[in-house]
Amino acid sequence: MATKQFQCELSWSASRAKEFERCRRENWYGRYASWGWWTEKPHGEKYDIMVHKCLTSLPAYAGDCMHRAIERWFQLRKEGTAMTAKELYEEAVDLFREGWRESASDGWKARPNKSTHLLEHHYEVPIPKERTEAARALLERCANYFMTAPELAPVRDAHPDNWRSLETMDTYQYLGTKIYAVPDFAYSEGDRVHIWDWKTGKPRDADIFQLHTYALYACEKWSVDPENIVLYAAYLGEEQIQPIPVDLDRLSHAQDEMSSSLREMMDVHYDPDVDDLIMENWPASPEEEKCGWCRFRALCPDAAK
């Protein structure tokens, strides 16, 4: 049987577009510089870059734990088992503690591309008790709001037969490129499709764009008419829901924005296995605050110090 050959293909997602716009050097480190690390024997520079690529910050990790706890809530709901707000919170805390131990004890080294490795631990950034307490309080607040908010009753009550997506990574083709979409939760109600995105941080304009890319995904994969899609940015930590009815003009604008972003990526995309690197295509955008929380700051010679 022939061995499948991996190829560094261009793909697009809202998060990758944001990274590309924020700093092309960061995008290069994250998408190209570690390519082929698994072939290095012994481990070398590509492996080291991969380790940095897998770093996550404390706030981002807390959000990930909440997402996984909610996913577990849905899985139990499908099995007919109820989970209380306290149990949802405890699920998120258990996940957080497990990842914390893995990161703090160097347990991540056994599977560096599959484990939790906190940026703060890697760079030896002090984590005062106030920050861990804030993370714990955030998880508790999110769990309570998810389980008790009247605005979320339709989500909690949605029958599993009507679920369309649950933290499922999927793709579709656009301009000959693979487009990734991972709606946190989506369900049908008659002809309407409701798409939800859980957020543990504060509202940002980028959130609205991301949700509109999920609407484009729904149109393509589920053949849903745009006017039958309703988007929801659920800011669990802020205890507020922002419903976003899909407007054809805004959806068209989001598609134009996606097209523009994708074409910019196409202009500089290359296959590290066969193409020469043109470093001028990957300039750094050094800013002290931005570089201070970049995963690759120790590797980037142009990072703001």
C-alpha atoms as a PDB file:
ATOM      1  CA  MET A   1       0.000   0.000   0.000  1.00  0.00           C
ATOM      2  CA  ALA A   2       1.407   3.410  -0.948  1.00  0.00           C
ATOM      3  CA  THR A   3       2.207   5.781   1.882  1.00  0.00           C
ATOM      4  CA  LYS A   4       0.108   8.910   1.844  1.00  0.00           C
ATOM      5  CA  GLN A   5       2.223  11.962   1.113  1.00  0.00           C
ATOM      6  CA  PHE A   6       1.490  15.015   3.211  1.00  0.00           C
ATOM      7  CA  GLN A   7       1.505  18.327   1.415  1.00  0.00           C
ATOM      8  CA  CYS A   8       1.526  21.818   2.878  1.00  0.00           C
ATOM      9  CA  GLU A   9      -1.742  23.018   1.353  1.00  0.00           C
ATOM     10  CA  LEU A  10      -3.268  26.440   1.763  1.00  0.00           C
ATOM     11  CA  SER A  11      -6.392  26.535   3.903  1.00  0.00           C
ATOM     12  CA  TRP A  12      -8.405  29.360   5.429  1.00  0.00           C
ATOM     13  CA  SER A  13     -10.341  30.013   8.613  1.00  0.00           C
ATOM     14  CA  ALA A  14     -11.387  33.158  10.432  1.00  0.00           C
ATOM     15  CA  SER A  15      -8.728  32.573  13.101  1.00  0.00           C
ATOM     16  CA  ARG A  16      -5.975  32.030  10.517  1.00  0.00           C
ATOM     17  CA  ALA A  17      -7.047  35.182   8.709  1.00  0.00           C
ATOM     18  CA  LYS A  18      -6.810  37.107  11.964  1.00  0.00           C
ATOM     19  CA  GLU A  19      -3.315  35.752  12.615  1.00  0.00           C
ATOM     20  CA  PHE A  20      -2.222  36.616   9.058  1.00  0.00           C
ATOM     21  CA  GLU A  21      -3.515  40.169   9.431  1.00  0.00           C
ATOM     22  CA  ARG A  22      -2.006  40.623  12.888  1.00  0.00           C
ATOM     23  CA  CYS A  23       1.527  39.617  11.935  1.00  0.00           C
ATOM     24  CA  ARG A  24       2.674  37.741   8.852  1.00  0.00           C
ATOM     25  CA  ARG A  25       5.795  36.564  10.657  1.00  0.00           C
ATOM     26  CA  GLU A  26       3.630  34.966  13.335  1.00  0.00           C
ATOM     27  CA  ASN A  27       1.585  33.319  10.593  1.00  0.00           C
ATOM     28  CA  TRP A  28       4.753  31.986   8.953  1.00  0.00           C
ATOM     29  CA  TYR A  29       5.971  30.476  12.203  1.00  0.00           C
ATOM     30  CA  GLY A  30       2.555  28.978  12.840  1.00  0.00           C
ATOM     31  CA  ARG A  31       1.799  27.614   9.364  1.00  0.00           C
ATOM     32  CA  TYR A  32       5.072  26.971   7.547  1.00  0.00           C
ATOM     33  CA  ALA A  33       8.221  27.090   9.669  1.00  0.00           C
ATOM     34  CA  SER A  34       7.497  23.887  11.589  1.00  0.00           C
ATOM     35  CA  TRP A  35       6.325  21.914   8.556  1.00  0.00           C
ATOM     36  CA  GLY A  36       7.971  18.492   8.515  1.00  0.00           C
ATOM     37  CA  TRP A  37       8.997  18.544  12.196  1.00  0.00           C
ATOM     38  CA  TRP A  38       7.962  14.897  12.477  1.00  0.00           C
ATOM     39  CA  THR A  39      10.727  13.910  10.035  1.00  0.00           C
ATOM     40  CA  GLU A  40      13.534  15.469  12.083  1.00  0.00           C
ATOM     41  CA  LYS A  41      15.714  12.819  13.676  1.00  0.00           C
ATOM     42  CA  PRO A  42      16.934  13.915  16.102  1.00  0.00           C
ATOM     43  CA  HIS A  43      14.592  16.771  16.873  1.00  0.00           C
ATOM     44  CA  GLY A  44      15.824  20.139  15.649  1.00  0.00           C
ATOM     45  CA  GLU A  45      14.690  23.637  14.765  1.00  0.00           C
ATOM     46  CA  LYS A  46      11.353  22.618  13.244  1.00  0.00           C
ATOM     47  CA  TYR A  47      10.482  20.634  16.342  1.00  0.00           C
ATOM     48  CA  ASP A  48      11.290  23.620  18.539  1.00  0.00           C
ATOM     49  CA  ILE A  49       9.046  25.836  16.423  1.00  0.00           C
ATOM     50  CA  MET A  50       6.246  23.258  16.693  1.00  0.00           C
ATOM     51  CA  VAL A  51       6.567  23.343  20.484  1.00  0.00           C
ATOM     52  CA  HIS A  52       6.096  27.114  20.434  1.00  0.00           C
ATOM     53  CA  LYS A  53       3.219  26.788  17.971  1.00  0.00           C
ATOM     54  CA  CYS A  54       1.336  24.639  20.486  1.00  0.00           C
ATOM     55  CA  LEU A  55       1.594  27.141  23.345  1.00  0.00           C
ATOM     56  CA  THR A  56      -1.651  28.588  24.696  1.00  0.00           C
ATOM     57  CA  SER A  57      -2.266  31.404  27.148  1.00  0.00           C
ATOM     58  CA  LEU A  58      -4.050  31.033  30.471  1.00  0.00           C
ATOM     59  CA  PRO A  59      -7.203  32.946  29.358  1.00  0.00           C
ATOM     60  CA  ALA A  60      -7.398  31.011  26.085  1.00  0.00           C
ATOM     61  CA  TYR A  61      -7.001  27.721  27.929  1.00  0.00           C
ATOM     62  CA  ALA A  62      -9.748  28.598  30.404  1.00  0.00           C
ATOM     63  CA  GLY A  63     -12.015  29.294  27.444  1.00  0.00           C
ATOM     64  CA  ASP A  64     -11.095  25.981  25.847  1.00  0.00           C
ATOM     65  CA  CYS A  65     -11.945  24.134  29.069  1.00  0.00           C
ATOM     66  CA  MET A  66     -15.360  25.800  29.129  1.00  0.00           C
ATOM     67  CA  HIS A  67     -15.977  24.820  25.515  1.00  0.00           C
ATOM     68  CA  ARG A  68     -15.071  21.191  26.216  1.00  0.00           C
ATOM     69  CA  ALA A  69     -17.219  21.110  29.356  1.00  0.00           C
ATOM     70  CA  ILE A  70     -20.224  22.412  27.394  1.00  0.00           C
ATOM     71  CA  GLU A  71     -19.562  19.837  24.685  1.00  0.00           C
ATOM     72  CA  ARG A  72     -19.651  17.175  27.402  1.00  0.00           C
ATOM     73  CA  TRP A  73     -22.966  18.629  28.634  1.00  0.00           C
ATOM     74  CA  PHE A  74     -24.436  18.133  25.164  1.00  0.00           C
ATOM     75  CA  GLN A  75     -23.069  14.608  24.888  1.00  0.00           C
ATOM     76  CA  LEU A  76     -24.702  13.645  28.191  1.00  0.00           C
ATOM     77  CA  ARG A  77     -27.895  15.414  27.159  1.00  0.00           C
ATOM     78  CA  LYS A  78     -28.000  13.244  24.037  1.00  0.00           C
ATOM     79  CA  GLU A  79     -27.639  10.158  26.247  1.00  0.00           C
ATOM     80  CA  GLY A  80     -30.522  11.345  28.417  1.00  0.00           C
ATOM     81  CA  THR A  81     -28.381  12.386  31.383  1.00  0.00           C
ATOM     82  CA  ALA A  82     -28.796  15.781  33.034  1.00  0.00           C
ATOM     83  CA  MET A  83     -25.850  17.853  34.245  1.00  0.00           C
ATOM     84  CA  THR A  84     -26.347  20.605  36.812  1.00  0.00           C
ATOM     85  CA  ALA A  85     -24.658  24.000  36.733  1.00  0.00           C
ATOM     86  CA  LYS A  86     -22.391  22.839  39.548  1.00  0.00           C
ATOM     87  CA  GLU A  87     -21.436  19.695  37.631  1.00  0.00           C
ATOM     88  CA  LEU A  88     -20.776  21.704  34.461  1.00  0.00           C
ATOM     89  CA  TYR A  89     -18.510  24.016  36.439  1.00  0.00           C
ATOM     90  CA  GLU A  90     -16.714  21.083  38.071  1.00  0.00           C
ATOM     91  CA  GLU A  91     -16.195  19.465  34.653  1.00  0.00           C
ATOM     92  CA  ALA A  92     -14.507  22.657  33.400  1.00  0.00           C
ATOM     93  CA  VAL A  93     -12.386  22.958  36.560  1.00  0.00           C
ATOM     94  CA  ASP A  94     -11.265  19.316  36.321  1.00  0.00           C
ATOM     95  CA  LEU A  95     -10.176  19.892  32.723  1.00  0.00           C
ATOM     96  CA  PHE A  96      -8.360  23.062  33.744  1.00  0.00           C
ATOM     97  CA  ARG A  97      -6.506  21.329  36.587  1.00  0.00           C
ATOM     98  CA  GLU A  98      -5.540  18.391  34.385  1.00  0.00           C
ATOM     99  CA  GLY A  99      -4.046  20.699  31.771  1.00  0.00           C
ATOM    100  CA  TRP A 100      -2.345  22.845  34.405  1.00  0.00           C
ATOM    101  CA  ARG A 101      -0.593  19.815  35.890  1.00  0.00           C
ATOM    102  CA  GLU A 102       0.454  18.639  32.444  1.00  0.00           C
ATOM    103  CA  SER A 103       1.955  22.029  31.635  1.00  0.00           C
ATOM    104  CA  ALA A 104       3.566  22.769  34.997  1.00  0.00           C
ATOM    105  CA  SER A 105       5.159  19.318  35.376  1.00  0.00           C
ATOM    106  CA  ASP A 106       6.578  19.080  31.846  1.00  0.00           C
ATOM    107  CA  GLY A 107       4.125  16.264  31.191  1.00  0.00           C
ATOM    108  CA  TRP A 108       3.435  17.961  27.857  1.00  0.00           C
ATOM    109  CA  LYS A 109       6.807  16.749  26.570  1.00  0.00           C
ATOM    110  CA  ALA A 110       5.482  13.218  26.031  1.00  0.00           C
ATOM    111  CA  ARG A 111       3.113  14.496  23.302  1.00  0.00           C
ATOM    112  CA  PRO A 112       3.971  18.163  22.701  1.00  0.00           C
ATOM    113  CA  ASN A 113       1.547  18.578  19.794  1.00  0.00           C
ATOM    114  CA  LYS A 114      -1.355  16.988  21.693  1.00  0.00           C
ATOM    115  CA  SER A 115      -0.887  18.310  25.221  1.00  0.00           C
ATOM    116  CA  THR A 116      -1.507  21.449  27.245  1.00  0.00           C
ATOM    117  CA  HIS A 117       1.510  23.749  27.401  1.00  0.00           C
ATOM    118  CA  LEU A 118       0.853  27.183  28.837  1.00  0.00           C
ATOM    119  CA  LEU A 119       2.715  30.145  27.429  1.00  0.00           C
ATOM    120  CA  GLU A 120       3.121  31.494  30.953  1.00  0.00           C
ATOM    121  CA  HIS A 121       4.858  28.303  32.119  1.00  0.00           C
ATOM    122  CA  HIS A 122       7.077  28.125  29.050  1.00  0.00           C
ATOM    123  CA  TYR A 123       8.278  31.712  29.391  1.00  0.00           C
ATOM    124  CA  GLU A 124       8.332  31.547  33.206  1.00  0.00           C
ATOM    125  CA  VAL A 125       5.822  34.379  33.522  1.00  0.00           C
ATOM    126  CA  PRO A 126       4.660  34.614  37.167  1.00  0.00           C
ATOM    127  CA  ILE A 127       1.002  33.662  37.596  1.00  0.00           C
ATOM    128  CA  PRO A 128      -0.283  35.307  40.771  1.00  0.00           C
ATOM    129  CA  LYS A 129      -3.114  33.713  42.680  1.00  0.00           C
ATOM    130  CA  GLU A 130      -5.387  36.532  41.531  1.00  0.00           C
ATOM    131  CA  ARG A 131      -5.159  35.294  37.921  1.00  0.00           C
ATOM    132  CA  THR A 132      -5.988  31.679  38.718  1.00  0.00           C
ATOM    133  CA  GLU A 133      -8.833  32.825  40.958  1.00  0.00           C
ATOM    134  CA  ALA A 134     -10.123  35.007  38.122  1.00  0.00           C
ATOM    135  CA  ALA A 135     -10.023  31.982  35.794  1.00  0.00           C
ATOM    136  CA  ARG A 136     -11.905  29.866  38.336  1.00  0.00           C
ATOM    137  CA  ALA A 137     -14.530  32.592  38.815  1.00  0.00           C
ATOM    138  CA  LEU A 138     -14.897  32.904  35.046  1.00  0.00           C
ATOM    139  CA  LEU A 139     -15.592  29.187  34.673  1.00  0.00           C
ATOM    140  CA  GLU A 140     -18.166  29.310  37.461  1.00  0.00           C
ATOM    141  CA  ARG A 141     -19.877  32.358  35.972  1.00  0.00           C
ATOM    142  CA  CYS A 142     -19.966  30.822  32.493  1.00  0.00           C
ATOM    143  CA  ALA A 143     -21.380  27.520  33.766  1.00  0.00           C
ATOM    144  CA  ASN A 144     -24.094  29.216  35.810  1.00  0.00           C
ATOM    145  CA  TYR A 145     -25.097  31.481  32.942  1.00  0.00           C
ATOM    146  CA  PHE A 146     -25.195  28.640  30.425  1.00  0.00           C
ATOM    147  CA  MET A 147     -27.446  26.591  32.697  1.00  0.00           C
ATOM    148  CA  THR A 148     -29.779  29.298  34.022  1.00  0.00           C
ATOM    149  CA  ALA A 149     -30.056  32.130  31.477  1.00  0.00           C
ATOM    150  CA  PRO A 150     -33.558  32.287  29.921  1.00  0.00           C
ATOM    151  CA  GLU A 151     -31.927  33.416  26.661  1.00  0.00           C
ATOM    152  CA  LEU A 152     -30.179  30.048  26.473  1.00  0.00           C
ATOM    153  CA  ALA A 153     -33.294  27.955  27.118  1.00  0.00           C
ATOM    154  CA  PRO A 154     -33.761  27.235  23.363  1.00  0.00           C
ATOM    155  CA  VAL A 155     -30.222  25.819  23.288  1.00  0.00           C
ATOM    156  CA  ARG A 156     -30.734  23.665  26.353  1.00  0.00           C
ATOM    157  CA  ASP A 157     -34.116  22.468  25.093  1.00  0.00           C
ATOM    158  CA  ALA A 158     -33.124  21.757  21.473  1.00  0.00           C
ATOM    159  CA  HIS A 159     -33.839  18.105  20.692  1.00  0.00           C
ATOM    160  CA  PRO A 160     -30.772  16.086  19.631  1.00  0.00           C
ATOM    161  CA  ASP A 161     -32.589  15.077  16.436  1.00  0.00           C
ATOM    162  CA  ASN A 162     -32.447  18.729  15.392  1.00  0.00           C
ATOM    163  CA  TRP A 163     -28.780  19.304  16.136  1.00  0.00           C
ATOM    164  CA  ARG A 164     -26.748  20.246  13.076  1.00  0.00           C
ATOM    165  CA  SER A 165     -23.272  20.715  14.567  1.00  0.00           C
ATOM    166  CA  LEU A 166     -21.519  20.335  17.907  1.00  0.00           C
ATOM    167  CA  GLU A 167     -17.883  21.486  17.990  1.00  0.00           C
ATOM    168  CA  THR A 168     -17.449  19.662  14.682  1.00  0.00           C
ATOM    169  CA  MET A 169     -14.587  20.765  12.460  1.00  0.00           C
ATOM    170  CA  ASP A 170     -15.719  20.719   8.861  1.00  0.00           C
ATOM    171  CA  THR A 171     -14.597  22.187   5.558  1.00  0.00           C
ATOM    172  CA  TYR A 172     -15.887  23.287   2.188  1.00  0.00           C
ATOM    173  CA  GLN A 173     -14.223  24.518  -0.983  1.00  0.00           C
ATOM    174  CA  TYR A 174     -14.088  28.181  -1.959  1.00  0.00           C
ATOM    175  CA  LEU A 175     -11.851  29.622  -4.674  1.00  0.00           C
ATOM    176  CA  GLY A 176     -10.267  26.191  -4.885  1.00  0.00           C
ATOM    177  CA  THR A 177      -9.196  26.355  -1.234  1.00  0.00           C
ATOM    178  CA  LYS A 178     -10.262  24.394   1.826  1.00  0.00           C
ATOM    179  CA  ILE A 179     -12.259  26.608   4.211  1.00  0.00           C
ATOM    180  CA  TYR A 180     -12.484  25.489   7.830  1.00  0.00           C
ATOM    181  CA  ALA A 181     -15.517  26.120  10.022  1.00  0.00           C
ATOM    182  CA  VAL A 182     -16.156  24.910  13.572  1.00  0.00           C
ATOM    183  CA  PRO A 183     -19.543  26.158  14.803  1.00  0.00           C
ATOM    184  CA  ASP A 184     -19.790  25.563  18.539  1.00  0.00           C
ATOM    185  CA  PHE A 185     -23.429  24.537  18.270  1.00  0.00           C
ATOM    186  CA  ALA A 186     -26.134  24.678  15.620  1.00  0.00           C
ATOM    187  CA  TYR A 187     -29.676  23.357  15.534  1.00  0.00           C
ATOM    188  CA  SER A 188     -32.692  23.485  13.245  1.00  0.00           C
ATOM    189  CA  GLU A 189     -36.118  24.826  14.105  1.00  0.00           C
ATOM    190  CA  GLY A 190     -38.379  24.298  11.144  1.00  0.00           C
ATOM    191  CA  ASP A 191     -36.728  26.015   8.189  1.00  0.00           C
ATOM    192  CA  ARG A 192     -34.497  28.097  10.452  1.00  0.00           C
ATOM    193  CA  VAL A 193     -30.982  27.247  11.543  1.00  0.00           C
ATOM    194  CA  HIS A 194     -29.586  28.760  14.730  1.00  0.00           C
ATOM    195  CA  ILE A 195     -25.779  28.957  14.986  1.00  0.00           C
ATOM    196  CA  TRP A 196     -24.173  29.659  18.368  1.00  0.00           C
ATOM    197  CA  ASP A 197     -20.637  30.601  19.288  1.00  0.00           C
ATOM    198  CA  TRP A 198     -19.547  30.463  22.945  1.00  0.00           C
ATOM    199  CA  LYS A 199     -17.253  33.257  24.088  1.00  0.00           C
ATOM    200  CA  THR A 200     -15.580  33.589  27.473  1.00  0.00           C
ATOM    201  CA  GLY A 201     -13.962  36.954  26.691  1.00  0.00           C
ATOM    202  CA  LYS A 202     -15.327  40.379  25.892  1.00  0.00           C
ATOM    203  CA  PRO A 203     -17.192  41.262  22.664  1.00  0.00           C
ATOM    204  CA  ARG A 204     -15.040  42.047  19.612  1.00  0.00           C
ATOM    205  CA  ASP A 205     -15.895  43.045  16.062  1.00  0.00           C
ATOM    206  CA  ALA A 206     -13.985  40.011  14.810  1.00  0.00           C
ATOM    207  CA  ASP A 207     -16.573  37.774  16.482  1.00  0.00           C
ATOM    208  CA  ILE A 208     -19.289  39.037  14.155  1.00  0.00           C
ATOM    209  CA  PHE A 209     -17.167  38.319  11.094  1.00  0.00           C
ATOM    210  CA  GLN A 210     -16.397  34.812  12.343  1.00  0.00           C
ATOM    211  CA  LEU A 211     -20.093  34.065  12.812  1.00  0.00           C
ATOM    212  CA  HIS A 212     -20.861  35.285   9.308  1.00  0.00           C
ATOM    213  CA  THR A 213     -18.274  32.837   7.953  1.00  0.00           C
ATOM    214  CA  TYR A 214     -20.264  30.113   9.746  1.00  0.00           C
ATOM    215  CA  ALA A 215     -23.387  31.375   7.972  1.00  0.00           C
ATOM    216  CA  LEU A 216     -21.558  31.031   4.653  1.00  0.00           C
ATOM    217  CA  TYR A 217     -20.628  27.492   5.689  1.00  0.00           C
ATOM    218  CA  ALA A 218     -24.291  26.711   6.492  1.00  0.00           C
ATOM    219  CA  CYS A 219     -25.391  27.985   3.089  1.00  0.00           C
ATOM    220  CA  GLU A 220     -22.796  25.838   1.339  1.00  0.00           C
ATOM    221  CA  LYS A 221     -22.971  22.611   3.368  1.00  0.00           C
ATOM    222  CA  TRP A 222     -26.582  22.541   4.536  1.00  0.00           C
ATOM    223  CA  SER A 223     -28.195  24.407   1.603  1.00  0.00           C
ATOM    224  CA  VAL A 224     -29.818  26.842   4.025  1.00  0.00           C
ATOM    225  CA  ASP A 225     -31.226  30.099   2.686  1.00  0.00           C
ATOM    226  CA  PRO A 226     -29.392  33.040   4.270  1.00  0.00           C
ATOM    227  CA  GLU A 227     -32.615  34.619   5.539  1.00  0.00           C
ATOM    228  CA  ASN A 228     -33.297  31.424   7.516  1.00  0.00           C
ATOM    229  CA  ILE A 229     -30.067  31.647   9.508  1.00  0.00           C
ATOM    230  CA  VAL A 230     -29.799  33.333  12.894  1.00  0.00           C
ATOM    231  CA  LEU A 231     -26.389  33.847  14.517  1.00  0.00           C
ATOM    232  CA  TYR A 232     -25.688  34.198  18.228  1.00  0.00           C
ATOM    233  CA  ALA A 233     -22.536  35.441  19.934  1.00  0.00           C
ATOM    234  CA  ALA A 234     -22.933  34.065  23.459  1.00  0.00           C
ATOM    235  CA  TYR A 235     -20.620  35.963  25.816  1.00  0.00           C
ATOM    236  CA  LEU A 236     -20.920  33.617  28.766  1.00  0.00           C
ATOM    237  CA  GLY A 237     -18.384  35.426  30.917  1.00  0.00           C
ATOM    238  CA  GLU A 238     -20.144  38.758  30.326  1.00  0.00           C
ATOM    239  CA  GLU A 239     -23.550  37.086  30.786  1.00  0.00           C
ATOM    240  CA  GLN A 240     -25.000  38.448  27.576  1.00  0.00           C
ATOM    241  CA  ILE A 241     -26.227  37.144  24.236  1.00  0.00           C
ATOM    242  CA  GLN A 242     -25.922  39.076  20.987  1.00  0.00           C
ATOM    243  CA  PRO A 243     -28.389  37.765  18.368  1.00  0.00           C
ATOM    244  CA  ILE A 244     -27.338  38.580  14.796  1.00  0.00           C
ATOM    245  CA  PRO A 245     -29.994  38.072  12.122  1.00  0.00           C
ATOM    246  CA  VAL A 246     -28.273  37.403   8.814  1.00  0.00           C
ATOM    247  CA  ASP A 247     -28.482  40.352   6.475  1.00  0.00           C
ATOM    248  CA  LEU A 248     -27.684  39.608   2.834  1.00  0.00           C
ATOM    249  CA  ASP A 249     -25.593  42.758   2.489  1.00  0.00           C
ATOM    250  CA  ARG A 250     -23.521  41.918   5.582  1.00  0.00           C
ATOM    251  CA  LEU A 251     -23.157  38.323   4.449  1.00  0.00           C
ATOM    252  CA  SER A 252     -21.980  39.497   1.037  1.00  0.00           C
ATOM    253  CA  HIS A 253     -19.542  41.874   2.713  1.00  0.00           C
ATOM    254  CA  ALA A 254     -18.192  39.028   4.876  1.00  0.00           C
ATOM    255  CA  GLN A 255     -17.676  36.897   1.765  1.00  0.00           C
ATOM    256  CA  ASP A 256     -15.840  39.763   0.063  1.00  0.00           C
ATOM    257  CA  GLU A 257     -13.652  40.146   3.144  1.00  0.00           C
ATOM    258  CA  MET A 258     -12.955  36.423   3.166  1.00  0.00           C
ATOM    259  CA  SER A 259     -12.099  36.511  -0.549  1.00  0.00           C
ATOM    260  CA  SER A 260      -9.701  39.398  -0.062  1.00  0.00           C
ATOM    261  CA  SER A 261      -7.998  37.685   2.870  1.00  0.00           C
ATOM    262  CA  LEU A 262      -7.736  34.396   1.006  1.00  0.00           C
ATOM    263  CA  ARG A 263      -6.229  36.013  -2.099  1.00  0.00           C
ATOM    264  CA  GLU A 264      -3.580  37.741   0.034  1.00  0.00           C
ATOM    265  CA  MET A 265      -2.688  34.364   1.518  1.00  0.00           C
ATOM    266  CA  MET A 266      -2.565  32.820  -1.961  1.00  0.00           C
ATOM    267  CA  ASP A 267      -0.041  35.440  -3.055  1.00  0.00           C
ATOM    268  CA  VAL A 268       2.551  34.259  -0.526  1.00  0.00           C
ATOM    269  CA  HIS A 269       1.640  30.606   0.003  1.00  0.00           C
ATOM    270  CA  TYR A 270       4.394  28.083  -0.722  1.00  0.00           C
ATOM    271  CA  ASP A 271       5.195  24.451  -0.099  1.00  0.00           C
ATOM    272  CA  PRO A 272       8.274  24.224   2.194  1.00  0.00           C
ATOM    273  CA  ASP A 273       9.057  20.780   0.759  1.00  0.00           C
ATOM    274  CA  VAL A 274       9.617  22.051  -2.768  1.00  0.00           C
ATOM    275  CA  ASP A 275       9.616  25.869  -2.841  1.00  0.00           C
ATOM    276  CA  ASP A 276      12.206  28.383  -1.743  1.00  0.00           C
ATOM    277  CA  LEU A 277      11.380  30.616   1.205  1.00  0.00           C
ATOM    278  CA  ILE A 278      11.048  34.310   0.358  1.00  0.00           C
ATOM    279  CA  MET A 279      11.337  35.863   3.792  1.00  0.00           C
ATOM    280  CA  GLU A 280      10.335  39.301   2.485  1.00  0.00           C
ATOM    281  CA  ASN A 281       6.805  37.902   2.181  1.00  0.00           C
ATOM    282  CA  TRP A 282       6.664  37.377   5.932  1.00  0.00           C
ATOM    283  CA  PRO A 283       7.505  40.708   7.619  1.00  0.00           C
ATOM    284  CA  ALA A 284       7.150  41.097  11.357  1.00  0.00           C
ATOM    285  CA  SER A 285       4.761  43.668  12.837  1.00  0.00           C
ATOM    286  CA  PRO A 286       6.550  44.349  16.110  1.00  0.00           C
ATOM    287  CA  GLU A 287       4.581  46.001  18.885  1.00  0.00           C
ATOM    288  CA  GLU A 288       5.594  45.617  22.502  1.00  0.00           C
ATOM    289  CA  GLU A 289       2.182  44.553  23.797  1.00  0.00           C
ATOM    290  CA  LYS A 290       1.450  42.245  20.862  1.00  0.00           C
ATOM    291  CA  CYS A 291       4.885  40.623  20.851  1.00  0.00           C
ATOM    292  CA  GLY A 292       4.754  40.229  24.623  1.00  0.00           C
ATOM    293  CA  TRP A 293       2.041  37.603  24.245  1.00  0.00           C
ATOM    294  CA  CYS A 294       3.211  36.039  20.988  1.00  0.00           C
ATOM    295  CA  ARG A 295       4.016  32.319  21.176  1.00  0.00           C
ATOM    296  CA  PHE A 296       7.093  32.833  19.006  1.00  0.00           C
ATOM    297  CA  ARG A 297       8.668  35.833  20.709  1.00  0.00           C
ATOM    298  CA  ALA A 298      11.756  33.864  21.761  1.00  0.00           C
ATOM    299  CA  LEU A 299      12.352  32.758  18.162  1.00  0.00           C
ATOM    300  CA  CYS A 300      11.569  35.929  16.258  1.00  0.00           C
ATOM    301  CA  PRO A 301      14.636  38.193  15.822  1.00  0.00           C
ATOM    302  CA  ASP A 302      12.380  41.177  15.100  1.00  0.00           C
ATOM    303  CA  ALA A 303      10.120  40.857  18.161  1.00  0.00           C
ATOM    304  CA  ALA A 304       9.696  44.056  20.162  1.00  0.00           C
ATOM    305  CA  LYS A 305      11.634  43.738  23.391  1.00  0.00           C
END
